[in-house]
Amino acid sequence: KPKVLFFDVNETLLDLTAMKNSVGSALEGKNDLLKLWFTTMLQYSL
């Protein structure tokens, strides 16, 4: 058994559907851009 279980939060525990819908609306319904947005966010965090 591991001594500690560490959990990521967003998407792992929490359902991101509402945020994806909100971001999709901001992108004028171009939901195909959602993955690009997320990878860009991750890229610039790094």
All heavy atoms as atom14 arrays in JSON, in Angstrom:
{
  "sequence": "KPKVLFFDVNETLLDLTAMKNSVGSALEGKNDLLKLWFTTMLQYSL",
  "atom14_mask": [
    [1, 1, 1, 1, 1, 1, 1, 1, 1, 0, 0, 0, 0, 0],
    [1, 1, 1, 1, 1, 1, 1, 0, 0, 0, 0, 0, 0, 0],
    [1, 1, 1, 1, 1, 1, 1, 1, 1, 0, 0, 0, 0, 0],
    [1, 1, 1, 1, 1, 1, 1, 0, 0, 0, 0, 0, 0, 0],
    [1, 1, 1, 1, 1, 1, 1, 1, 0, 0, 0, 0, 0, 0],
    [1, 1, 1, 1, 1, 1, 1, 1, 1, 1, 1, 0, 0, 0],
    [1, 1, 1, 1, 1, 1, 1, 1, 1, 1, 1, 0, 0, 0],
    [1, 1, 1, 1, 1, 1, 1, 1, 0, 0, 0, 0, 0, 0],
    [1, 1, 1, 1, 1, 1, 1, 0, 0, 0, 0, 0, 0, 0],
    [1, 1, 1, 1, 1, 1, 1, 1, 0, 0, 0, 0, 0, 0],
    [1, 1, 1, 1, 1, 1, 1, 1, 1, 0, 0, 0, 0, 0],
    [1, 1, 1, 1, 1, 1, 1, 0, 0, 0, 0, 0, 0, 0],
    [1, 1, 1, 1, 1, 1, 1, 1, 0, 0, 0, 0, 0, 0],
    [1, 1, 1, 1, 1, 1, 1, 1, 0, 0, 0, 0, 0, 0],
    [1, 1, 1, 1, 1, 1, 1, 1, 0, 0, 0, 0, 0, 0],
    [1, 1, 1, 1, 1, 1, 1, 1, 0, 0, 0, 0, 0, 0],
    [1, 1, 1, 1, 1, 1, 1, 0, 0, 0, 0, 0, 0, 0],
    [1, 1, 1, 1, 1, 0, 0, 0, 0, 0, 0, 0, 0, 0],
    [1, 1, 1, 1, 1, 1, 1, 1, 0, 0, 0, 0, 0, 0],
    [1, 1, 1, 1, 1, 1, 1, 1, 1, 0, 0, 0, 0, 0],
    [1, 1, 1, 1, 1, 1, 1, 1, 0, 0, 0, 0, 0, 0],
    [1, 1, 1, 1, 1, 1, 0, 0, 0, 0, 0, 0, 0, 0],
    [1, 1, 1, 1, 1, 1, 1, 0, 0, 0, 0, 0, 0, 0],
    [1, 1, 1, 1, 0, 0, 0, 0, 0, 0, 0, 0, 0, 0],
    [1, 1, 1, 1, 1, 1, 0, 0, 0, 0, 0, 0, 0, 0],
    [1, 1, 1, 1, 1, 0, 0, 0, 0, 0, 0, 0, 0, 0],
    [1, 1, 1, 1, 1, 1, 1, 1, 0, 0, 0, 0, 0, 0],
    [1, 1, 1, 1, 1, 1, 1, 1, 1, 0, 0, 0, 0, 0],
    [1, 1, 1, 1, 0, 0, 0, 0, 0, 0, 0, 0, 0, 0],
    [1, 1, 1, 1, 1, 1, 1, 1, 1, 0, 0, 0, 0, 0],
    [1, 1, 1, 1, 1, 1, 1, 1, 0, 0, 0, 0, 0, 0],
    [1, 1, 1, 1, 1, 1, 1, 1, 0, 0, 0, 0, 0, 0],
    [1, 1, 1, 1, 1, 1, 1, 1, 0, 0, 0, 0, 0, 0],
    [1, 1, 1, 1, 1, 1, 1, 1, 0, 0, 0, 0, 0, 0],
    [1, 1, 1, 1, 1, 1, 1, 1, 1, 0, 0, 0, 0, 0],
    [1, 1, 1, 1, 1, 1, 1, 1, 0, 0, 0, 0, 0, 0],
    [1, 1, 1, 1, 1, 1, 1, 1, 1, 1, 1, 1, 1, 1],
    [1, 1, 1, 1, 1, 1, 1, 1, 1, 1, 1, 0, 0, 0],
    [1, 1, 1, 1, 1, 1, 1, 0, 0, 0, 0, 0, 0, 0],
    [1, 1, 1, 1, 1, 1, 1, 0, 0, 0, 0, 0, 0, 0],
    [1, 1, 1, 1, 1, 1, 1, 1, 0, 0, 0, 0, 0, 0],
    [1, 1, 1, 1, 1, 1, 1, 1, 0, 0, 0, 0, 0, 0],
    [1, 1, 1, 1, 1, 1, 1, 1, 1, 0, 0, 0, 0, 0],
    [1, 1, 1, 1, 1, 1, 1, 1, 1, 1, 1, 1, 0, 0],
    [1, 1, 1, 1, 1, 1, 0, 0, 0, 0, 0, 0, 0, 0],
    [1, 1, 1, 1, 1, 1, 1, 1, 0, 0, 0, 0, 0, 0]
  ],
  "atom14_positions": [
    [[0.83, -1.2, 0.0], [0.0, 0.0, 0.0], [0.87, 1.26, 0.0], [1.84, 1.34, 0.76], [-0.89, 0.04, 1.24], [-2.12, -0.83, 1.19], [-3.0, -0.54, 2.4], [-4.34, -1.28, 2.28], [-5.24, -0.94, 3.41], [0.0, 0.0, 0.0], [0.0, 0.0, 0.0], [0.0, 0.0, 0.0], [0.0, 0.0, 0.0], [0.0, 0.0, 0.0]],
    [[0.56, 2.26, -0.82], [1.24, 3.55, -0.7], [0.9, 4.18, 0.65], [-0.2, 3.96, 1.18], [0.64, 4.39, -1.84], [-0.1, 3.43, -2.71], [-0.48, 2.27, -1.88], [0.0, 0.0, 0.0], [0.0, 0.0, 0.0], [0.0, 0.0, 0.0], [0.0, 0.0, 0.0], [0.0, 0.0, 0.0], [0.0, 0.0, 0.0], [0.0, 0.0, 0.0]],
    [[1.81, 4.95, 1.21], [1.52, 5.6, 2.49], [0.6, 6.8, 2.32], [-0.19, 7.11, 3.21], [2.83, 6.03, 3.17], [3.6, 4.87, 3.78], [4.69, 5.35, 4.71], [5.37, 4.17, 5.4], [6.46, 4.62, 6.3], [0.0, 0.0, 0.0], [0.0, 0.0, 0.0], [0.0, 0.0, 0.0], [0.0, 0.0, 0.0], [0.0, 0.0, 0.0]],
    [[0.74, 7.49, 1.18], [-0.1, 8.67, 0.92], [-0.62, 8.61, -0.51], [0.14, 8.34, -1.43], [0.68, 10.0, 1.13], [-0.24, 11.19, 0.87], [1.27, 10.08, 2.53], [0.0, 0.0, 0.0], [0.0, 0.0, 0.0], [0.0, 0.0, 0.0], [0.0, 0.0, 0.0], [0.0, 0.0, 0.0], [0.0, 0.0, 0.0], [0.0, 0.0, 0.0]],
    [[-1.91, 8.86, -0.65], [-2.51, 9.0, -1.98], [-2.68, 10.48, -2.27], [-3.38, 11.19, -1.53], [-3.88, 8.31, -2.03], [-3.91, 6.8, -1.79], [-5.34, 6.29, -1.86], [-3.02, 6.06, -2.78], [0.0, 0.0, 0.0], [0.0, 0.0, 0.0], [0.0, 0.0, 0.0], [0.0, 0.0, 0.0], [0.0, 0.0, 0.0], [0.0, 0.0, 0.0]],
    [[-2.01, 10.97, -3.31], [-2.12, 12.37, -3.73], [-3.07, 12.43, -4.92], [-2.92, 11.67, -5.88], [-0.76, 12.91, -4.15], [0.24, 13.04, -3.03], [1.0, 11.95, -2.62], [0.43, 14.26, -2.38], [1.93, 12.07, -1.6], [1.35, 14.4, -1.36], [2.11, 13.3, -0.96], [0.0, 0.0, 0.0], [0.0, 0.0, 0.0], [0.0, 0.0, 0.0]],
    [[-4.0, 13.36, -4.88], [-5.0, 13.48, -5.94], [-4.87, 14.8, -6.67], [-4.88, 15.88, -6.05], [-6.42, 13.42, -5.35], [-6.82, 12.08, -4.83], [-6.38, 11.64, -3.58], [-7.63, 11.24, -5.57], [-6.74, 10.4, -3.08], [-8.01, 9.99, -5.09], [-7.56, 9.57, -3.83], [0.0, 0.0, 0.0], [0.0, 0.0, 0.0], [0.0, 0.0, 0.0]],
    [[-4.74, 14.72, -7.99], [-4.97, 15.91, -8.8], [-6.44, 16.27, -8.65], [-7.26, 15.42, -8.27], [-4.62, 15.62, -10.26], [-4.9, 16.81, -11.15], [-4.37, 17.89, -10.89], [-5.7, 16.64, -12.1], [0.0, 0.0, 0.0], [0.0, 0.0, 0.0], [0.0, 0.0, 0.0], [0.0, 0.0, 0.0], [0.0, 0.0, 0.0], [0.0, 0.0, 0.0]],
    [[-6.81, 17.5, -8.95], [-8.18, 17.95, -8.66], [-9.02, 18.12, -9.93], [-10.03, 17.42, -10.12], [-8.16, 19.27, -7.85], [-9.57, 19.82, -7.67], [-7.49, 19.04, -6.5], [0.0, 0.0, 0.0], [0.0, 0.0, 0.0], [0.0, 0.0, 0.0], [0.0, 0.0, 0.0], [0.0, 0.0, 0.0], [0.0, 0.0, 0.0], [0.0, 0.0, 0.0]],
    [[-8.64, 19.05, -10.79], [-9.47, 19.36, -11.96], [-9.44, 18.25, -12.99], [-8.38, 17.84, -13.45], [-9.01, 20.68, -12.59], [-9.22, 21.84, -11.67], [-10.29, 22.0, -11.08], [-8.2, 22.67, -11.49], [0.0, 0.0, 0.0], [0.0, 0.0, 0.0], [0.0, 0.0, 0.0], [0.0, 0.0, 0.0], [0.0, 0.0, 0.0], [0.0, 0.0, 0.0]],
    [[-10.6, 17.74, -13.34], [-10.84, 16.62, -14.23], [-10.68, 15.28, -13.53], [-11.42, 14.34, -13.78], [-9.97, 16.66, -15.49], [-10.48, 15.75, -16.6], [-11.86, 16.16, -17.12], [-11.93, 17.02, -18.01], [-12.86, 15.64, -16.61], [0.0, 0.0, 0.0], [0.0, 0.0, 0.0], [0.0, 0.0, 0.0], [0.0, 0.0, 0.0], [0.0, 0.0, 0.0]],
    [[-9.7, 15.17, -12.63], [-9.53, 13.94, -11.88], [-10.7, 13.74, -10.91], [-11.34, 12.69, -10.9], [-8.2, 13.96, -11.11], [-7.13, 14.11, -12.05], [-8.0, 12.67, -10.32], [0.0, 0.0, 0.0], [0.0, 0.0, 0.0], [0.0, 0.0, 0.0], [0.0, 0.0, 0.0], [0.0, 0.0, 0.0], [0.0, 0.0, 0.0], [0.0, 0.0, 0.0]],
    [[-10.97, 14.76, -10.09], [-12.06, 14.7, -9.13], [-13.27, 15.51, -9.57], [-14.42, 15.11, -9.33], [-11.59, 15.24, -7.76], [-10.42, 14.5, -7.1], [-10.01, 15.24, -5.82], [-10.8, 13.06, -6.77], [0.0, 0.0, 0.0], [0.0, 0.0, 0.0], [0.0, 0.0, 0.0], [0.0, 0.0, 0.0], [0.0, 0.0, 0.0], [0.0, 0.0, 0.0]],
    [[-13.01, 16.65, -10.2], [-14.08, 17.58, -10.55], [-14.39, 17.54, -12.05], [-13.48, 17.48, -12.88], [-13.69, 19.01, -10.16], [-13.4, 19.24, -8.67], [-13.02, 20.7, -8.42], [-14.59, 18.85, -7.79], [0.0, 0.0, 0.0], [0.0, 0.0, 0.0], [0.0, 0.0, 0.0], [0.0, 0.0, 0.0], [0.0, 0.0, 0.0], [0.0, 0.0, 0.0]],
    [[-15.65, 17.6, -12.36], [-16.13, 17.57, -13.75], [-15.99, 18.97, -14.36], [-16.6, 19.93, -13.88], [-17.59, 17.13, -13.76], [-18.15, 16.92, -15.15], [-17.52, 17.37, -16.13], [-19.22, 16.31, -15.27], [0.0, 0.0, 0.0], [0.0, 0.0, 0.0], [0.0, 0.0, 0.0], [0.0, 0.0, 0.0], [0.0, 0.0, 0.0], [0.0, 0.0, 0.0]],
    [[-15.2, 19.07, -15.42], [-14.9, 20.37, -16.04], [-15.91, 20.82, -17.08], [-15.7, 21.84, -17.74], [-13.51, 20.34, -16.69], [-12.31, 20.16, -15.77], [-11.02, 20.2, -16.59], [-12.28, 21.22, -14.69], [0.0, 0.0, 0.0], [0.0, 0.0, 0.0], [0.0, 0.0, 0.0], [0.0, 0.0, 0.0], [0.0, 0.0, 0.0], [0.0, 0.0, 0.0]],
    [[-17.01, 20.11, -17.22], [-17.97, 20.41, -18.3], [-18.42, 21.86, -18.28], [-18.45, 22.54, -19.32], [-19.19, 19.48, -18.22], [-18.75, 18.12, -18.35], [-20.18, 19.79, -19.34], [0.0, 0.0, 0.0], [0.0, 0.0, 0.0], [0.0, 0.0, 0.0], [0.0, 0.0, 0.0], [0.0, 0.0, 0.0], [0.0, 0.0, 0.0], [0.0, 0.0, 0.0]],
    [[-18.79, 22.38, -17.12], [-19.29, 23.76, -17.01], [-18.24, 24.77, -17.46], [-18.55, 25.75, -18.15], [-19.75, 24.06, -15.59], [0.0, 0.0, 0.0], [0.0, 0.0, 0.0], [0.0, 0.0, 0.0], [0.0, 0.0, 0.0], [0.0, 0.0, 0.0], [0.0, 0.0, 0.0], [0.0, 0.0, 0.0], [0.0, 0.0, 0.0], [0.0, 0.0, 0.0]],
    [[-16.97, 24.54, -17.09], [-15.92, 25.46, -17.49], [-15.65, 25.35, -18.99], [-15.42, 26.36, -19.66], [-14.64, 25.2, -16.71], [-13.6, 26.3, -16.92], [-12.06, 26.0, -16.06], [-11.39, 24.67, -17.03], [0.0, 0.0, 0.0], [0.0, 0.0, 0.0], [0.0, 0.0, 0.0], [0.0, 0.0, 0.0], [0.0, 0.0, 0.0], [0.0, 0.0, 0.0]],
    [[-15.69, 24.14, -19.52], [-15.49, 23.97, -20.97], [-16.59, 24.69, -21.75], [-16.31, 25.33, -22.78], [-15.48, 22.49, -21.32], [-14.25, 21.74, -20.82], [-14.35, 20.26, -21.12], [-13.14, 19.51, -20.6], [-13.24, 18.04, -20.83], [0.0, 0.0, 0.0], [0.0, 0.0, 0.0], [0.0, 0.0, 0.0], [0.0, 0.0, 0.0], [0.0, 0.0, 0.0]],
    [[-17.81, 24.62, -21.24], [-18.92, 25.33, -21.9], [-18.71, 26.84, -21.86], [-18.97, 27.55, -22.83], [-20.25, 24.97, -21.25], [-20.67, 23.54, -21.54], [-20.2, 22.92, -22.49], [-21.55, 22.99, -20.71], [0.0, 0.0, 0.0], [0.0, 0.0, 0.0], [0.0, 0.0, 0.0], [0.0, 0.0, 0.0], [0.0, 0.0, 0.0], [0.0, 0.0, 0.0]],
    [[-18.23, 27.32, -20.71], [-17.99, 28.75, -20.55], [-16.87, 29.23, -21.48], [-16.99, 30.26, -22.15], [-17.63, 29.06, -19.09], [-17.35, 30.42, -18.91], [0.0, 0.0, 0.0], [0.0, 0.0, 0.0], [0.0, 0.0, 0.0], [0.0, 0.0, 0.0], [0.0, 0.0, 0.0], [0.0, 0.0, 0.0], [0.0, 0.0, 0.0], [0.0, 0.0, 0.0]],
    [[-15.78, 28.47, -21.53], [-14.66, 28.82, -22.41], [-15.1, 28.72, -23.87], [-14.75, 29.57, -24.7], [-13.45, 27.92, -22.14], [-12.36, 28.13, -23.18], [-12.89, 28.19, -20.75], [0.0, 0.0, 0.0], [0.0, 0.0, 0.0], [0.0, 0.0, 0.0], [0.0, 0.0, 0.0], [0.0, 0.0, 0.0], [0.0, 0.0, 0.0], [0.0, 0.0, 0.0]],
    [[-15.89, 27.7, -24.19], [-16.39, 27.55, -25.56], [-17.24, 28.74, -25.98], [-17.13, 29.21, -27.13], [0.0, 0.0, 0.0], [0.0, 0.0, 0.0], [0.0, 0.0, 0.0], [0.0, 0.0, 0.0], [0.0, 0.0, 0.0], [0.0, 0.0, 0.0], [0.0, 0.0, 0.0], [0.0, 0.0, 0.0], [0.0, 0.0, 0.0], [0.0, 0.0, 0.0]],
    [[-18.05, 29.25, -25.07], [-18.87, 30.44, -25.37], [-17.99, 31.66, -25.61], [-18.25, 32.45, -26.52], [-19.84, 30.71, -24.22], [-20.78, 29.67, -24.09], [0.0, 0.0, 0.0], [0.0, 0.0, 0.0], [0.0, 0.0, 0.0], [0.0, 0.0, 0.0], [0.0, 0.0, 0.0], [0.0, 0.0, 0.0], [0.0, 0.0, 0.0], [0.0, 0.0, 0.0]],
    [[-16.94, 31.8, -24.79], [-16.01, 32.92, -24.97], [-15.31, 32.85, -26.31], [-14.93, 33.88, -26.89], [-14.99, 32.94, -23.84], [0.0, 0.0, 0.0], [0.0, 0.0, 0.0], [0.0, 0.0, 0.0], [0.0, 0.0, 0.0], [0.0, 0.0, 0.0], [0.0, 0.0, 0.0], [0.0, 0.0, 0.0], [0.0, 0.0, 0.0], [0.0, 0.0, 0.0]],
    [[-15.15, 31.63, -26.83], [-14.51, 31.43, -28.14], [-15.55, 31.37, -29.26], [-15.3, 30.79, -30.32], [-13.67, 30.15, -28.12], [-12.44, 30.19, -27.2], [-11.79, 28.81, -27.1], [-11.41, 31.22, -27.7], [0.0, 0.0, 0.0], [0.0, 0.0, 0.0], [0.0, 0.0, 0.0], [0.0, 0.0, 0.0], [0.0, 0.0, 0.0], [0.0, 0.0, 0.0]],
    [[-16.7, 31.95, -28.99], [-17.78, 32.07, -29.97], [-18.25, 30.72, -30.5], [-18.54, 30.54, -31.68], [-17.35, 32.98, -31.13], [-17.05, 34.41, -30.68], [-16.65, 35.33, -31.84], [-16.41, 34.82, -32.96], [-16.57, 36.55, -31.59], [0.0, 0.0, 0.0], [0.0, 0.0, 0.0], [0.0, 0.0, 0.0], [0.0, 0.0, 0.0], [0.0, 0.0, 0.0]],
    [[-18.3, 29.75, -29.59], [-18.81, 28.43, -29.94], [-17.84, 27.55, -30.7], [-18.22, 26.45, -31.13], [0.0, 0.0, 0.0], [0.0, 0.0, 0.0], [0.0, 0.0, 0.0], [0.0, 0.0, 0.0], [0.0, 0.0, 0.0], [0.0, 0.0, 0.0], [0.0, 0.0, 0.0], [0.0, 0.0, 0.0], [0.0, 0.0, 0.0], [0.0, 0.0, 0.0]],
    [[-16.62, 27.97, -30.86], [-15.62, 27.16, -31.57], [-14.99, 26.16, -30.6], [-13.85, 26.3, -30.16], [-14.55, 28.06, -32.19], [-15.12, 29.01, -33.25], [-14.05, 29.91, -33.84], [-14.65, 30.84, -34.89], [-13.62, 31.75, -35.47], [0.0, 0.0, 0.0], [0.0, 0.0, 0.0], [0.0, 0.0, 0.0], [0.0, 0.0, 0.0], [0.0, 0.0, 0.0]],
    [[-15.76, 25.13, -30.28], [-15.34, 24.16, -29.28], [-14.11, 23.36, -29.7], [-13.46, 22.72, -28.86], [-16.49, 23.22, -28.94], [-17.59, 23.92, -28.16], [-17.36, 24.96, -27.55], [-18.79, 23.37, -28.2], [0.0, 0.0, 0.0], [0.0, 0.0, 0.0], [0.0, 0.0, 0.0], [0.0, 0.0, 0.0], [0.0, 0.0, 0.0], [0.0, 0.0, 0.0]],
    [[-13.8, 23.36, -31.0], [-12.59, 22.68, -31.44], [-11.32, 23.35, -30.92], [-10.24, 22.76, -30.97], [-12.56, 22.61, -32.97], [-12.62, 23.99, -33.62], [-13.51, 24.76, -33.24], [-11.8, 24.27, -34.5], [0.0, 0.0, 0.0], [0.0, 0.0, 0.0], [0.0, 0.0, 0.0], [0.0, 0.0, 0.0], [0.0, 0.0, 0.0], [0.0, 0.0, 0.0]],
    [[-11.47, 24.57, -30.39], [-10.32, 25.3, -29.87], [-10.07, 25.02, -28.38], [-9.07, 25.48, -27.83], [-10.52, 26.81, -30.05], [-10.6, 27.32, -31.49], [-10.88, 28.81, -31.51], [-9.3, 27.02, -32.25], [0.0, 0.0, 0.0], [0.0, 0.0, 0.0], [0.0, 0.0, 0.0], [0.0, 0.0, 0.0], [0.0, 0.0, 0.0], [0.0, 0.0, 0.0]],
    [[-10.96, 24.25, -27.75], [-10.82, 24.01, -26.31], [-9.51, 23.29, -25.97], [-8.82, 23.66, -25.02], [-12.01, 23.19, -25.8], [-13.34, 23.95, -25.67], [-14.47, 22.98, -25.34], [-13.23, 25.03, -24.6], [0.0, 0.0, 0.0], [0.0, 0.0, 0.0], [0.0, 0.0, 0.0], [0.0, 0.0, 0.0], [0.0, 0.0, 0.0], [0.0, 0.0, 0.0]],
    [[-9.17, 22.26, -26.73], [-7.93, 21.53, -26.45], [-6.72, 22.41, -26.67], [-5.73, 22.35, -25.92], [-7.85, 20.27, -27.32], [-8.82, 19.18, -26.89], [-8.61, 17.91, -27.7], [-9.55, 16.81, -27.22], [-9.37, 15.55, -28.0], [0.0, 0.0, 0.0], [0.0, 0.0, 0.0], [0.0, 0.0, 0.0], [0.0, 0.0, 0.0], [0.0, 0.0, 0.0]],
    [[-6.78, 23.27, -27.71], [-5.69, 24.19, -27.96], [-5.53, 25.16, -26.8], [-4.42, 25.47, -26.37], [-5.94, 24.97, -29.25], [-4.91, 26.05, -29.6], [-3.52, 25.46, -29.74], [-5.31, 26.8, -30.87], [0.0, 0.0, 0.0], [0.0, 0.0, 0.0], [0.0, 0.0, 0.0], [0.0, 0.0, 0.0], [0.0, 0.0, 0.0], [0.0, 0.0, 0.0]],
    [[-6.67, 25.63, -26.27], [-6.61, 26.54, -25.11], [-5.94, 25.85, -23.93], [-5.05, 26.41, -23.29], [-8.01, 27.02, -24.72], [-8.03, 27.53, -23.31], [-7.46, 28.68, -22.85], [-8.59, 26.89, -22.16], [-7.62, 28.8, -21.5], [-8.32, 27.71, -21.05], [-9.31, 25.71, -21.98], [-8.75, 27.38, -19.76], [-9.73, 25.38, -20.7], [-9.44, 26.21, -19.61]],
    [[-6.35, 24.61, -23.62], [-5.8, 23.92, -22.46], [-4.3, 23.67, -22.62], [-3.52, 23.87, -21.68], [-6.52, 22.61, -22.19], [-6.04, 21.93, -20.94], [-6.51, 22.32, -19.7], [-5.09, 20.91, -21.0], [-6.04, 21.72, -18.53], [-4.61, 20.31, -19.84], [-5.1, 20.72, -18.61], [0.0, 0.0, 0.0], [0.0, 0.0, 0.0], [0.0, 0.0, 0.0]],
    [[-3.89, 23.21, -23.8], [-2.46, 22.95, -24.01], [-1.65, 24.24, -23.97], [-0.51, 24.24, -23.51], [-2.21, 22.22, -25.34], [-2.77, 22.97, -26.41], [-2.83, 20.84, -25.33], [0.0, 0.0, 0.0], [0.0, 0.0, 0.0], [0.0, 0.0, 0.0], [0.0, 0.0, 0.0], [0.0, 0.0, 0.0], [0.0, 0.0, 0.0], [0.0, 0.0, 0.0]],
    [[-2.25, 25.35, -24.43], [-1.56, 26.64, -24.34], [-1.4, 27.06, -22.88], [-0.35, 27.57, -22.48], [-2.34, 27.72, -25.13], [-2.49, 27.3, -26.49], [-1.6, 29.06, -25.1], [0.0, 0.0, 0.0], [0.0, 0.0, 0.0], [0.0, 0.0, 0.0], [0.0, 0.0, 0.0], [0.0, 0.0, 0.0], [0.0, 0.0, 0.0], [0.0, 0.0, 0.0]],
    [[-2.44, 26.84, -22.08], [-2.37, 27.15, -20.65], [-1.27, 26.33, -19.98], [-0.45, 26.86, -19.22], [-3.71, 26.87, -19.98], [-3.69, 27.01, -18.47], [-5.34, 26.9, -17.72], [-5.8, 25.21, -18.15], [0.0, 0.0, 0.0], [0.0, 0.0, 0.0], [0.0, 0.0, 0.0], [0.0, 0.0, 0.0], [0.0, 0.0, 0.0], [0.0, 0.0, 0.0]],
    [[-1.23, 25.05, -20.28], [-0.2, 24.19, -19.69], [1.18, 24.62, -20.17], [2.13, 24.68, -19.38], [-0.46, 22.73, -20.07], [0.48, 21.7, -19.47], [0.4, 21.71, -17.95], [0.17, 20.31, -20.0], [0.0, 0.0, 0.0], [0.0, 0.0, 0.0], [0.0, 0.0, 0.0], [0.0, 0.0, 0.0], [0.0, 0.0, 0.0], [0.0, 0.0, 0.0]],
    [[1.3, 24.93, -21.45], [2.59, 25.37, -22.01], [3.12, 26.59, -21.27], [4.28, 26.63, -20.87], [2.44, 25.69, -23.5], [3.7, 26.25, -24.13], [3.48, 26.74, -25.55], [2.4, 26.58, -26.12], [4.49, 27.34, -26.14], [0.0, 0.0, 0.0], [0.0, 0.0, 0.0], [0.0, 0.0, 0.0], [0.0, 0.0, 0.0], [0.0, 0.0, 0.0]],
    [[2.26, 27.57, -21.05], [2.73, 28.81, -20.44], [2.88, 28.71, -18.93], [3.63, 29.49, -18.33], [1.87, 29.99, -20.88], [2.31, 30.46, -22.25], [1.74, 29.95, -23.41], [3.38, 31.35, -22.38], [2.2, 30.33, -24.67], [3.84, 31.74, -23.63], [3.25, 31.23, -24.76], [3.72, 31.59, -26.01], [0.0, 0.0, 0.0], [0.0, 0.0, 0.0]],
    [[2.23, 27.74, -18.31], [2.53, 27.49, -16.9], [3.96, 26.96, -16.77], [4.7, 27.35, -15.86], [1.53, 26.5, -16.29], [1.73, 25.18, -16.79], [0.0, 0.0, 0.0], [0.0, 0.0, 0.0], [0.0, 0.0, 0.0], [0.0, 0.0, 0.0], [0.0, 0.0, 0.0], [0.0, 0.0, 0.0], [0.0, 0.0, 0.0], [0.0, 0.0, 0.0]],
    [[4.37, 26.12, -17.72], [5.73, 25.59, -17.7], [6.75, 26.63, -18.14], [7.87, 26.67, -17.65], [5.82, 24.34, -18.57], [4.95, 23.17, -18.1], [5.09, 21.98, -19.04], [5.31, 22.77, -16.69], [0.0, 0.0, 0.0], [0.0, 0.0, 0.0], [0.0, 0.0, 0.0], [0.0, 0.0, 0.0], [0.0, 0.0, 0.0], [0.0, 0.0, 0.0]]
  ]
}
